[in-house]
Structure formats: C-alpha cells, structure tokens
Protein backbone atom coordinates (compact mmCIF):
# COMPACT_ATOMS: atom_id res chain seq x y z
CA MET A 1 53.67 93.35 142.73
CA ASP A 2 55.90 90.37 142.41
CA LEU A 3 56.54 89.32 138.98
CA LYS A 4 59.34 86.44 139.26
CA ALA A 5 58.78 83.41 137.68
CA ARG A 6 58.59 80.67 139.45
CA ASN A 7 59.13 78.06 137.24
CA LYS A 8 63.29 78.32 137.02
CA ILE A 9 65.06 76.93 133.95
CA GLU A 10 68.28 75.53 134.54
CA THR A 11 70.75 75.71 132.01
CA SER A 12 73.74 73.03 132.99
CA PHE A 13 73.01 69.88 131.01
CA ASN A 14 74.24 66.37 132.76
CA PHE A 15 76.93 64.38 130.55
CA SER A 16 77.16 61.24 132.46
CA SER A 17 74.38 59.51 130.39
CA ILE A 18 76.50 60.50 126.93
CA ALA A 19 79.90 59.04 128.56
CA ASP A 20 77.42 55.97 129.19
CA ILE A 21 76.77 55.65 126.02
CA ILE A 22 80.20 56.17 124.32
CA PHE A 23 81.85 53.77 126.96
CA LEU A 24 79.05 51.21 125.69
CA LEU A 25 80.00 51.52 122.14
CA LEU A 26 83.58 51.41 122.59
CA ILE A 27 83.09 48.23 124.56
CA PHE A 28 81.39 46.67 121.48
CA PHE A 29 83.38 47.94 119.25
CA MET A 30 86.26 46.17 120.46
CA LEU A 31 84.51 42.96 121.60
CA THR A 32 83.24 42.48 117.63
CA SER A 33 86.58 44.10 116.46
CA SER A 34 88.94 41.09 114.51
CA PHE A 35 91.86 40.04 116.72
CA VAL A 36 93.80 39.65 113.52
CA THR A 37 97.24 41.21 112.81
CA PRO A 38 97.61 41.33 109.41
CA SER A 39 101.79 41.04 107.96
CA GLY A 40 103.10 43.95 106.93
CA LEU A 41 104.95 42.28 104.38
CA PRO A 42 103.80 42.69 100.89
CA VAL A 43 103.01 39.04 99.90
CA ASN A 44 100.36 38.11 97.38
CA LEU A 45 98.76 35.30 99.39
CA PRO A 46 96.92 32.49 97.34
CA SER A 47 92.96 32.15 97.81
CA SER A 48 90.82 29.76 98.99
CA LYS A 49 87.17 28.61 99.77
CA THR A 50 87.20 28.42 103.22
CA SER A 51 89.46 31.05 105.17
CA THR A 52 89.15 30.60 109.32
CA ILE A 53 91.06 33.53 111.26
CA VAL A 54 93.86 31.93 113.62
CA LEU A 55 94.76 34.04 116.38
CA GLN A 56 98.38 34.80 115.40
CA ARG A 57 101.64 34.11 117.63
CA VAL A 58 104.41 33.54 115.58
CA ASN A 59 104.15 35.11 111.79
CA VAL A 60 106.66 33.95 109.33
CA THR A 61 106.57 35.38 106.18
CA ILE A 62 108.31 33.96 102.77
CA THR A 63 108.70 36.70 99.71
CA PRO A 64 108.85 36.03 96.25
CA ASP A 65 112.62 36.83 96.65
CA LEU A 66 113.18 34.12 99.27
CA GLU A 67 113.11 36.16 102.08
CA TYR A 68 112.42 34.84 104.90
CA TYR A 69 111.07 36.59 107.82
CA VAL A 70 109.79 35.71 111.60
CA ASN A 71 107.47 38.42 112.96
CA ASP A 72 108.63 41.05 110.44
CA GLN A 73 112.34 40.68 111.86
CA PRO A 74 114.27 39.69 108.45
CA VAL A 75 116.21 36.48 108.61
CA SER A 76 118.61 34.66 106.79
CA GLU A 77 117.85 31.09 105.82
CA ASP A 78 120.38 29.84 107.98
CA ASN A 79 119.35 31.01 110.19
CA LEU A 80 115.80 30.12 110.17
CA GLU A 81 115.18 27.39 113.05
CA ASN A 82 116.75 29.33 115.84
CA ALA A 83 114.91 32.83 115.17
CA LEU A 84 111.78 30.62 114.83
CA ARG A 85 112.96 28.73 118.66
CA SER A 86 113.59 31.88 119.84
CA ALA A 87 109.88 32.95 118.98
CA LEU A 88 108.15 30.14 119.85
CA SER A 89 109.67 29.81 123.76
CA GLU A 90 108.00 33.22 123.89
CA GLN A 91 104.94 32.64 122.91
CA GLU A 92 102.30 30.19 122.22
CA GLY A 93 103.42 27.28 119.67
CA VAL A 94 101.36 28.59 116.64
CA VAL A 95 103.06 29.21 113.40
CA VAL A 96 101.03 31.16 110.68
CA LEU A 97 103.16 30.98 107.32
CA ASN A 98 102.49 34.03 104.65
CA VAL A 99 103.89 32.47 101.53
CA ASP A 100 103.59 34.40 98.32
CA LYS A 101 101.87 32.15 95.77
CA SER A 102 104.74 32.47 93.52
CA VAL A 103 106.91 30.74 95.83
CA PRO A 104 107.78 27.25 95.53
CA VAL A 105 105.94 24.59 97.95
CA GLU A 106 109.47 23.32 98.43
CA TYR A 107 110.05 26.41 100.54
CA LEU A 108 106.82 26.43 102.17
CA VAL A 109 107.61 22.67 103.26
CA ARG A 110 110.74 23.17 104.97
CA VAL A 111 109.58 26.16 106.69
CA ALA A 112 106.75 23.90 108.04
CA GLY A 113 108.62 20.87 109.20
CA ILE A 114 111.06 23.38 111.26
CA ALA A 115 108.06 24.33 113.34
CA THR A 116 106.85 20.87 113.32
CA ALA A 117 109.96 19.87 114.66
CA LEU A 118 109.86 22.24 117.56
CA GLU A 119 106.46 21.30 118.36
CA ALA A 120 104.49 24.26 116.98
CA LYS A 121 100.92 23.71 115.03
CA VAL A 122 101.15 25.16 111.88
CA SER A 123 98.60 27.46 109.78
CA ILE A 124 98.69 28.31 106.00
CA ALA A 125 97.71 32.00 105.70
CA THR A 126 95.26 32.25 102.64
CA ARG A 127 92.94 35.45 101.69
CA PRO A 128 89.36 34.69 101.16
CA GLU A 129 88.13 33.67 97.82
CA SER A 130 86.43 36.58 95.45
CA ARG A 131 83.28 35.52 94.33
C-alpha cells in the first residue's frame, strides 16, 4: 500500500508582496512629509494667525545677541551683504528671515532691505499661534 500524502505543503514564503507594500508606504510618507528645514539655531519666533510654509532657499537668522547667521554659518554684520550675495547666486532668490521676537525691528528691516536690493523675495518665519 502506498500511504504518501497527495497534497504537499510548501514551506517557502513569497516576500515580493511585502516588499511592494513597504515600497508604497515609503513613497506615501515621502510625499506627505513637509519639506521645511527648520533652523538649527535657538530663536524664539513671533507667532501669527496665518503661518504658511515656504520652501526655504536662503535662511538668515538673527539671534537675541544680534548675531547673524546665513544658512547656519556665522556672519559679521559688515559682511552680511556679501554673504547674502554669494548665497543667492547659488540658490533661488528667496530669503527666509528667522528673527527672535526680542530683536528690534530695525535689524530685521536692514536685512530685508539688503535682500530686496539683491532682488530676492523676503519671507519672515513665524510659529503658528497657539489657541
């Protein structure tokens, strides 16, 4: 008598469907994530009711100690225009100002004036107003 089983159980598993699902999830999360690169410098941004996200090109930060940073690189006040000119020549003409709310407005206006003279669009970074 031949007592062998007619249905053989296959012990291998096909991982191609799991790889497809993981790939689709990866694409989904990459497309839905925000493309904002926050400044790594500690500044206390002012709040506003409408806070839109701007794709940052050239990032200028003014700290409470009145230190200037262009793309997280320290720059002296006298060399600010040259640093902005070189940063704008490499990237699109959009300058995002990250200014601490304790800094007097005259410093913000000075940097915005330099950026405008270099034919760049100026945007002021704010944090959303808490409710």
